[in-house]
Amino acid sequence: MKVALFGHRGKVGSVLGPALQAAGHEVTPIGRSDRIELVRGHDVAIDFTRPDVVYTLVRRCLEEGVPCIVGTSGLGAEELADLDERSRSRSLPLFVAPNFAVGAVLMMRFAAQAARHLPGAEIVELHHETKLDKPSGTAKATAALIGEGTPIHSVRLPGLIAHQEVIFGGTGQTLTIRHDTSSREAFVPGILLVLERLPTLPPGLTLGLDALL
C-alpha cells in the first residue's frame, strides 16, 4: 500500500515507518510544514500525532478522499461522530483504536468478562511523562467496557512507556489484570493487521482493534 504517515518523527511514528517499509509498504512521511494535499493518491493515511491536531488532520484527509487509521488519543464523541459521518458520505473506511497492541486489547476483553462476576473495579494507567492526554484512551475505553464511572488513576513518569492494570475486588479476594508495553514495536502487528483488512472494512468508523480479532 501507499501510506501517508503523520507523526513520523514521534515515538510511535519513528518505529512504525521503518516497520511499514520492511513489510513492503511505500511510506510518505508528512510533517508539520508539509501541505495536506500530499496525501492525495495514497491508499491510506496513518495518524500518530497529537490530541490537539488529530481531528483536523483526519478531517482533511477524508476530504482528500483518503481512508484513515488513527492511533492518536484525544478524539471526543462529537468529533468521532462527525468523522464517521464524513467518511460514510465519501464511502471511505475510518479506523480508530485507543491501542494497537494485541495484548492490550486482550486485557480489555478479559476485564470486561471479569466485570460480570466481581462487584468493584478501579483502573491504574501508567505512561511516559510526555503523554499529553490524561486519562489515556485505553483507560477510558476499558472503563466504558466494565462500567461507566469506574475510577481511573493516571501516572506520568520517566522510564514508562504504556502500562495498565485493572484491579477487581470481591468478598475476600482481588483480581488484577495487567498489560505492559516494553517497546513501541508492540503496536506494529496491530497496525499491519488493520492495513491488511482495510479494503474489507465498511465505509464509516470502525472503533477498536477488537473488531478485527
C-alpha atoms as a PDB file:
ATOM      1  CA  MET A   1       0.000   0.000   0.000  1.00  0.00           C
ATOM      2  CA  LYS A   2       0.974   3.626  -0.457  1.00  0.00           C
ATOM      3  CA  VAL A   3       0.858   5.042   3.084  1.00  0.00           C
ATOM      4  CA  ALA A   4       0.933   8.683   4.213  1.00  0.00           C
ATOM      5  CA  LEU A   5       2.367   8.735   7.743  1.00  0.00           C
ATOM      6  CA  PHE A   6       1.619  11.679  10.036  1.00  0.00           C
ATOM      7  CA  GLY A   7       3.781  11.879  13.143  1.00  0.00           C
ATOM      8  CA  HIS A   8       6.692  10.061  11.544  1.00  0.00           C
ATOM      9  CA  ARG A   9       9.212  11.674  13.925  1.00  0.00           C
ATOM     10  CA  GLY A  10       7.232  10.800  17.045  1.00  0.00           C
ATOM     11  CA  LYS A  11       7.736   7.958  19.484  1.00  0.00           C
ATOM     12  CA  VAL A  12       5.430   5.587  17.588  1.00  0.00           C
ATOM     13  CA  GLY A  13       5.928   7.002  14.097  1.00  0.00           C
ATOM     14  CA  SER A  14       9.710   6.635  14.198  1.00  0.00           C
ATOM     15  CA  VAL A  15       9.267   2.905  14.874  1.00  0.00           C
ATOM     16  CA  LEU A  16       6.290   2.441  12.577  1.00  0.00           C
ATOM     17  CA  GLY A  17       7.773   3.996   9.420  1.00  0.00           C
ATOM     18  CA  PRO A  18      10.665   1.514   9.020  1.00  0.00           C
ATOM     19  CA  ALA A  19       8.397  -1.379  10.027  1.00  0.00           C
ATOM     20  CA  LEU A  20       5.884  -0.478   7.306  1.00  0.00           C
ATOM     21  CA  GLN A  21       8.645  -0.283   4.717  1.00  0.00           C
ATOM     22  CA  ALA A  22      10.051  -3.635   5.856  1.00  0.00           C
ATOM     23  CA  ALA A  23       6.573  -5.114   5.359  1.00  0.00           C
ATOM     24  CA  GLY A  24       6.549  -3.903   1.747  1.00  0.00           C
ATOM     25  CA  HIS A  25       4.521  -0.705   2.054  1.00  0.00           C
ATOM     26  CA  GLU A  26       5.506   2.569   0.388  1.00  0.00           C
ATOM     27  CA  VAL A  27       5.677   5.254   3.083  1.00  0.00           C
ATOM     28  CA  THR A  28       5.418   9.021   2.614  1.00  0.00           C
ATOM     29  CA  PRO A  29       6.368  10.844   5.835  1.00  0.00           C
ATOM     30  CA  ILE A  30       4.328  14.042   6.264  1.00  0.00           C
ATOM     31  CA  GLY A  31       5.459  16.671   8.769  1.00  0.00           C
ATOM     32  CA  ARG A  32       4.000  19.849  10.236  1.00  0.00           C
ATOM     33  CA  SER A  33       5.291  22.094   7.453  1.00  0.00           C
ATOM     34  CA  ASP A  34       4.037  19.876   4.609  1.00  0.00           C
ATOM     35  CA  ARG A  35       0.844  20.596   2.728  1.00  0.00           C
ATOM     36  CA  ILE A  36      -2.077  18.293   3.487  1.00  0.00           C
ATOM     37  CA  GLU A  37      -2.595  17.837  -0.251  1.00  0.00           C
ATOM     38  CA  LEU A  38       0.400  15.488  -0.204  1.00  0.00           C
ATOM     39  CA  VAL A  39      -1.991  12.729   0.926  1.00  0.00           C
ATOM     40  CA  ARG A  40      -3.732  12.695  -2.460  1.00  0.00           C
ATOM     41  CA  GLY A  41      -3.239   9.426  -4.290  1.00  0.00           C
ATOM     42  CA  HIS A  42      -2.351   7.449  -1.161  1.00  0.00           C
ATOM     43  CA  ASP A  43      -4.197   4.278  -0.228  1.00  0.00           C
ATOM     44  CA  VAL A  44      -4.359   5.269   3.440  1.00  0.00           C
ATOM     45  CA  ALA A  45      -3.222   7.907   5.915  1.00  0.00           C
ATOM     46  CA  ILE A  46      -1.973   6.850   9.359  1.00  0.00           C
ATOM     47  CA  ASP A  47      -2.072   9.382  12.177  1.00  0.00           C
ATOM     48  CA  PHE A  48       0.095   9.238  15.300  1.00  0.00           C
ATOM     49  CA  THR A  49       0.314  12.942  16.078  1.00  0.00           C
ATOM     50  CA  ARG A  50      -1.185  14.999  18.926  1.00  0.00           C
ATOM     51  CA  PRO A  51      -4.643  15.270  20.508  1.00  0.00           C
ATOM     52  CA  ASP A  52      -4.895  18.934  19.538  1.00  0.00           C
ATOM     53  CA  VAL A  53      -4.390  18.356  15.795  1.00  0.00           C
ATOM     54  CA  VAL A  54      -5.687  14.858  15.078  1.00  0.00           C
ATOM     55  CA  TYR A  55      -9.296  15.848  14.323  1.00  0.00           C
ATOM     56  CA  THR A  56      -8.301  18.492  11.785  1.00  0.00           C
ATOM     57  CA  LEU A  57      -5.773  16.228  10.061  1.00  0.00           C
ATOM     58  CA  VAL A  58      -8.171  13.304   9.751  1.00  0.00           C
ATOM     59  CA  ARG A  59     -10.980  15.535   8.503  1.00  0.00           C
ATOM     60  CA  ARG A  60      -8.721  16.999   5.835  1.00  0.00           C
ATOM     61  CA  CYS A  61      -7.506  13.545   4.750  1.00  0.00           C
ATOM     62  CA  LEU A  62     -11.100  12.370   4.344  1.00  0.00           C
ATOM     63  CA  GLU A  63     -11.845  15.493   2.318  1.00  0.00           C
ATOM     64  CA  GLU A  64      -8.970  14.482   0.027  1.00  0.00           C
ATOM     65  CA  GLY A  65     -10.570  11.048  -0.406  1.00  0.00           C
ATOM     66  CA  VAL A  66      -8.038   9.091   1.653  1.00  0.00           C
ATOM     67  CA  PRO A  67      -9.052   6.419   4.238  1.00  0.00           C
ATOM     68  CA  CYS A  68      -7.520   6.862   7.689  1.00  0.00           C
ATOM     69  CA  ILE A  69      -6.088   4.776  10.504  1.00  0.00           C
ATOM     70  CA  VAL A  70      -5.860   6.738  13.745  1.00  0.00           C
ATOM     71  CA  GLY A  71      -3.811   5.839  16.809  1.00  0.00           C
ATOM     72  CA  THR A  72      -3.765   9.308  18.369  1.00  0.00           C
ATOM     73  CA  SER A  73      -5.795   9.666  21.574  1.00  0.00           C
ATOM     74  CA  GLY A  74      -7.997  12.644  22.236  1.00  0.00           C
ATOM     75  CA  LEU A  75     -10.906  12.431  19.784  1.00  0.00           C
ATOM     76  CA  GLY A  76     -14.140  13.174  21.616  1.00  0.00           C
ATOM     77  CA  ALA A  77     -17.528  11.591  20.987  1.00  0.00           C
ATOM     78  CA  GLU A  78     -18.765  14.537  18.891  1.00  0.00           C
ATOM     79  CA  GLU A  79     -15.593  14.544  16.793  1.00  0.00           C
ATOM     80  CA  LEU A  80     -15.827  10.794  16.208  1.00  0.00           C
ATOM     81  CA  ALA A  81     -19.467  11.147  15.180  1.00  0.00           C
ATOM     82  CA  ASP A  82     -18.583  13.930  12.754  1.00  0.00           C
ATOM     83  CA  LEU A  83     -15.683  11.964  11.222  1.00  0.00           C
ATOM     84  CA  ASP A  84     -17.912   8.904  10.967  1.00  0.00           C
ATOM     85  CA  GLU A  85     -20.472  10.901   9.005  1.00  0.00           C
ATOM     86  CA  ARG A  86     -17.806  12.429   6.751  1.00  0.00           C
ATOM     87  CA  SER A  87     -16.222   9.046   5.982  1.00  0.00           C
ATOM     88  CA  ARG A  88     -19.606   7.457   5.265  1.00  0.00           C
ATOM     89  CA  SER A  89     -20.564  10.285   2.905  1.00  0.00           C
ATOM     90  CA  ARG A  90     -17.357   9.637   0.949  1.00  0.00           C
ATOM     91  CA  SER A  91     -17.605   5.818   1.140  1.00  0.00           C
ATOM     92  CA  LEU A  92     -14.270   5.670   2.984  1.00  0.00           C
ATOM     93  CA  PRO A  93     -13.246   3.443   5.886  1.00  0.00           C
ATOM     94  CA  LEU A  94     -12.051   5.148   9.056  1.00  0.00           C
ATOM     95  CA  PHE A  95     -10.332   3.037  11.715  1.00  0.00           C
ATOM     96  CA  VAL A  96      -9.694   4.436  15.184  1.00  0.00           C
ATOM     97  CA  ALA A  97      -8.151   2.476  18.059  1.00  0.00           C
ATOM     98  CA  PRO A  98      -7.075   3.548  21.541  1.00  0.00           C
ATOM     99  CA  ASN A  99      -4.391   0.851  21.475  1.00  0.00           C
ATOM    100  CA  PHE A 100      -2.870  -1.278  18.705  1.00  0.00           C
ATOM    101  CA  ALA A 101      -1.101  -3.762  20.978  1.00  0.00           C
ATOM    102  CA  VAL A 102      -2.884  -7.107  20.758  1.00  0.00           C
ATOM    103  CA  GLY A 103      -2.103  -7.843  24.408  1.00  0.00           C
ATOM    104  CA  ALA A 104      -3.749  -4.598  25.498  1.00  0.00           C
ATOM    105  CA  VAL A 105      -6.882  -5.481  23.560  1.00  0.00           C
ATOM    106  CA  LEU A 106      -6.983  -8.876  25.243  1.00  0.00           C
ATOM    107  CA  MET A 107      -6.511  -7.185  28.638  1.00  0.00           C
ATOM    108  CA  MET A 108      -9.600  -5.071  27.927  1.00  0.00           C
ATOM    109  CA  ARG A 109     -11.587  -8.115  26.811  1.00  0.00           C
ATOM    110  CA  PHE A 110     -10.642 -10.095  29.925  1.00  0.00           C
ATOM    111  CA  ALA A 111     -11.522  -7.111  32.108  1.00  0.00           C
ATOM    112  CA  ALA A 112     -14.979  -6.906  30.539  1.00  0.00           C
ATOM    113  CA  GLN A 113     -15.513 -10.581  31.370  1.00  0.00           C
ATOM    114  CA  ALA A 114     -14.305 -10.165  34.951  1.00  0.00           C
ATOM    115  CA  ALA A 115     -16.624  -7.207  35.499  1.00  0.00           C
ATOM    116  CA  ARG A 116     -19.611  -9.525  35.150  1.00  0.00           C
ATOM    117  CA  HIS A 117     -18.522 -11.509  38.210  1.00  0.00           C
ATOM    118  CA  LEU A 118     -16.736  -9.113  40.595  1.00  0.00           C
ATOM    119  CA  PRO A 119     -18.549  -6.076  42.022  1.00  0.00           C
ATOM    120  CA  GLY A 120     -15.823  -3.426  42.208  1.00  0.00           C
ATOM    121  CA  ALA A 121     -13.043  -2.233  39.920  1.00  0.00           C
ATOM    122  CA  GLU A 122     -10.510   0.555  39.522  1.00  0.00           C
ATOM    123  CA  ILE A 123      -8.074   1.257  36.678  1.00  0.00           C
ATOM    124  CA  VAL A 124      -4.464   2.377  37.002  1.00  0.00           C
ATOM    125  CA  GLU A 125      -2.814   3.554  33.774  1.00  0.00           C
ATOM    126  CA  LEU A 126       0.872   4.478  33.629  1.00  0.00           C
ATOM    127  CA  HIS A 127       2.589   6.261  30.736  1.00  0.00           C
ATOM    128  CA  HIS A 128       5.708   8.234  29.869  1.00  0.00           C
ATOM    129  CA  GLU A 129       5.864  11.777  31.187  1.00  0.00           C
ATOM    130  CA  THR A 130       5.370  13.362  27.737  1.00  0.00           C
ATOM    131  CA  LYS A 131       1.964  11.777  27.082  1.00  0.00           C
ATOM    132  CA  LEU A 132      -0.414  14.699  26.764  1.00  0.00           C
ATOM    133  CA  ASP A 133      -3.816  13.175  27.417  1.00  0.00           C
ATOM    134  CA  LYS A 134      -4.933  12.011  30.853  1.00  0.00           C
ATOM    135  CA  PRO A 135      -6.529   9.535  31.333  1.00  0.00           C
ATOM    136  CA  SER A 136      -5.379   7.518  28.345  1.00  0.00           C
ATOM    137  CA  GLY A 137      -7.685   6.429  25.557  1.00  0.00           C
ATOM    138  CA  THR A 138      -7.154   2.798  26.549  1.00  0.00           C
ATOM    139  CA  ALA A 139      -8.205   3.512  30.125  1.00  0.00           C
ATOM    140  CA  LYS A 140     -11.347   5.332  29.026  1.00  0.00           C
ATOM    141  CA  ALA A 141     -12.231   2.524  26.618  1.00  0.00           C
ATOM    142  CA  THR A 142     -11.710  -0.032  29.389  1.00  0.00           C
ATOM    143  CA  ALA A 143     -13.933   1.935  31.746  1.00  0.00           C
ATOM    144  CA  ALA A 144     -16.647   2.034  29.096  1.00  0.00           C
ATOM    145  CA  LEU A 145     -16.463  -1.756  28.820  1.00  0.00           C
ATOM    146  CA  ILE A 146     -16.572  -2.571  32.523  1.00  0.00           C
ATOM    147  CA  GLY A 147     -18.875   0.210  33.704  1.00  0.00           C
ATOM    148  CA  GLU A 148     -19.103   3.961  33.274  1.00  0.00           C
ATOM    149  CA  GLY A 149     -17.853   5.759  36.340  1.00  0.00           C
ATOM    150  CA  THR A 150     -15.078   3.265  37.049  1.00  0.00           C
ATOM    151  CA  PRO A 151     -12.306   5.258  38.786  1.00  0.00           C
ATOM    152  CA  ILE A 152      -9.159   5.818  36.718  1.00  0.00           C
ATOM    153  CA  HIS A 153      -5.789   6.725  38.228  1.00  0.00           C
ATOM    154  CA  SER A 154      -3.185   8.200  35.869  1.00  0.00           C
ATOM    155  CA  VAL A 155       0.576   8.103  36.379  1.00  0.00           C
ATOM    156  CA  ARG A 156       3.075  10.018  34.204  1.00  0.00           C
ATOM    157  CA  LEU A 157       6.745   9.273  34.902  1.00  0.00           C
ATOM    158  CA  PRO A 158      10.054   8.979  33.036  1.00  0.00           C
ATOM    159  CA  GLY A 159      11.020   5.396  32.247  1.00  0.00           C
ATOM    160  CA  LEU A 160       7.475   4.255  31.481  1.00  0.00           C
ATOM    161  CA  ILE A 161       6.059   3.513  28.026  1.00  0.00           C
ATOM    162  CA  ALA A 162       2.453   2.275  28.307  1.00  0.00           C
ATOM    163  CA  HIS A 163       1.036   0.136  31.099  1.00  0.00           C
ATOM    164  CA  GLN A 164      -2.387  -0.545  32.531  1.00  0.00           C
ATOM    165  CA  GLU A 165      -3.841  -2.679  35.272  1.00  0.00           C
ATOM    166  CA  VAL A 166      -7.457  -3.243  36.198  1.00  0.00           C
ATOM    167  CA  ILE A 167      -7.965  -4.238  39.823  1.00  0.00           C
ATOM    168  CA  PHE A 168     -11.193  -6.037  40.734  1.00  0.00           C
ATOM    169  CA  GLY A 169     -12.401  -6.600  44.265  1.00  0.00           C
ATOM    170  CA  GLY A 170     -14.893  -9.053  45.695  1.00  0.00           C
ATOM    171  CA  THR A 171     -15.609 -10.653  49.022  1.00  0.00           C
ATOM    172  CA  GLY A 172     -12.289 -11.959  50.339  1.00  0.00           C
ATOM    173  CA  GLN A 173     -10.472 -11.632  47.015  1.00  0.00           C
ATOM    174  CA  THR A 174      -8.954  -9.348  44.395  1.00  0.00           C
ATOM    175  CA  LEU A 175      -8.072  -9.921  40.756  1.00  0.00           C
ATOM    176  CA  THR A 176      -5.538  -7.848  38.821  1.00  0.00           C
ATOM    177  CA  ILE A 177      -5.386  -7.900  35.018  1.00  0.00           C
ATOM    178  CA  ARG A 178      -2.324  -6.061  33.712  1.00  0.00           C
ATOM    179  CA  HIS A 179      -0.679  -5.327  30.372  1.00  0.00           C
ATOM    180  CA  ASP A 180       2.795  -3.831  29.927  1.00  0.00           C
ATOM    181  CA  THR A 181       4.220  -2.367  26.731  1.00  0.00           C
ATOM    182  CA  SER A 182       8.006  -2.661  26.918  1.00  0.00           C
ATOM    183  CA  SER A 183       8.597  -1.420  23.349  1.00  0.00           C
ATOM    184  CA  ARG A 184       6.547   0.551  20.842  1.00  0.00           C
ATOM    185  CA  GLU A 185       7.184  -2.272  18.404  1.00  0.00           C
ATOM    186  CA  ALA A 186       4.224  -3.891  20.173  1.00  0.00           C
ATOM    187  CA  PHE A 187       1.912  -1.633  18.143  1.00  0.00           C
ATOM    188  CA  VAL A 188       3.250  -2.734  14.736  1.00  0.00           C
ATOM    189  CA  PRO A 189       1.454  -6.104  14.326  1.00  0.00           C
ATOM    190  CA  GLY A 190      -1.901  -4.496  15.101  1.00  0.00           C
ATOM    191  CA  ILE A 191      -1.365  -1.741  12.550  1.00  0.00           C
ATOM    192  CA  LEU A 192      -0.272  -4.233   9.910  1.00  0.00           C
ATOM    193  CA  LEU A 193      -3.451  -6.218  10.620  1.00  0.00           C
ATOM    194  CA  VAL A 194      -5.591  -3.121  10.056  1.00  0.00           C
ATOM    195  CA  LEU A 195      -3.783  -2.371   6.786  1.00  0.00           C
ATOM    196  CA  GLU A 196      -4.430  -5.926   5.630  1.00  0.00           C
ATOM    197  CA  ARG A 197      -8.119  -5.733   6.486  1.00  0.00           C
ATOM    198  CA  LEU A 198      -8.706  -2.113   5.417  1.00  0.00           C
ATOM    199  CA  PRO A 199     -10.055  -2.941   1.923  1.00  0.00           C
ATOM    200  CA  THR A 200     -12.745  -5.128   3.517  1.00  0.00           C
ATOM    201  CA  LEU A 201     -13.913  -2.596   6.121  1.00  0.00           C
ATOM    202  CA  PRO A 202     -17.255  -0.851   5.540  1.00  0.00           C
ATOM    203  CA  PRO A 203     -17.475   2.893   4.991  1.00  0.00           C
ATOM    204  CA  GLY A 204     -17.524   4.880   8.197  1.00  0.00           C
ATOM    205  CA  LEU A 205     -15.992   4.397  11.608  1.00  0.00           C
ATOM    206  CA  THR A 206     -14.642   1.109  12.892  1.00  0.00           C
ATOM    207  CA  LEU A 207     -13.608   1.539  16.513  1.00  0.00           C
ATOM    208  CA  GLY A 208     -11.040  -0.630  18.246  1.00  0.00           C
ATOM    209  CA  LEU A 209      -8.704  -3.435  17.237  1.00  0.00           C
ATOM    210  CA  ASP A 210     -11.061  -5.835  18.989  1.00  0.00           C
ATOM    211  CA  ALA A 211     -13.379  -5.519  15.977  1.00  0.00           C
ATOM    212  CA  LEU A 212     -10.795  -7.342  13.842  1.00  0.00           C
ATOM    213  CA  LEU A 213      -9.801 -10.082  16.288  1.00  0.00           C
END
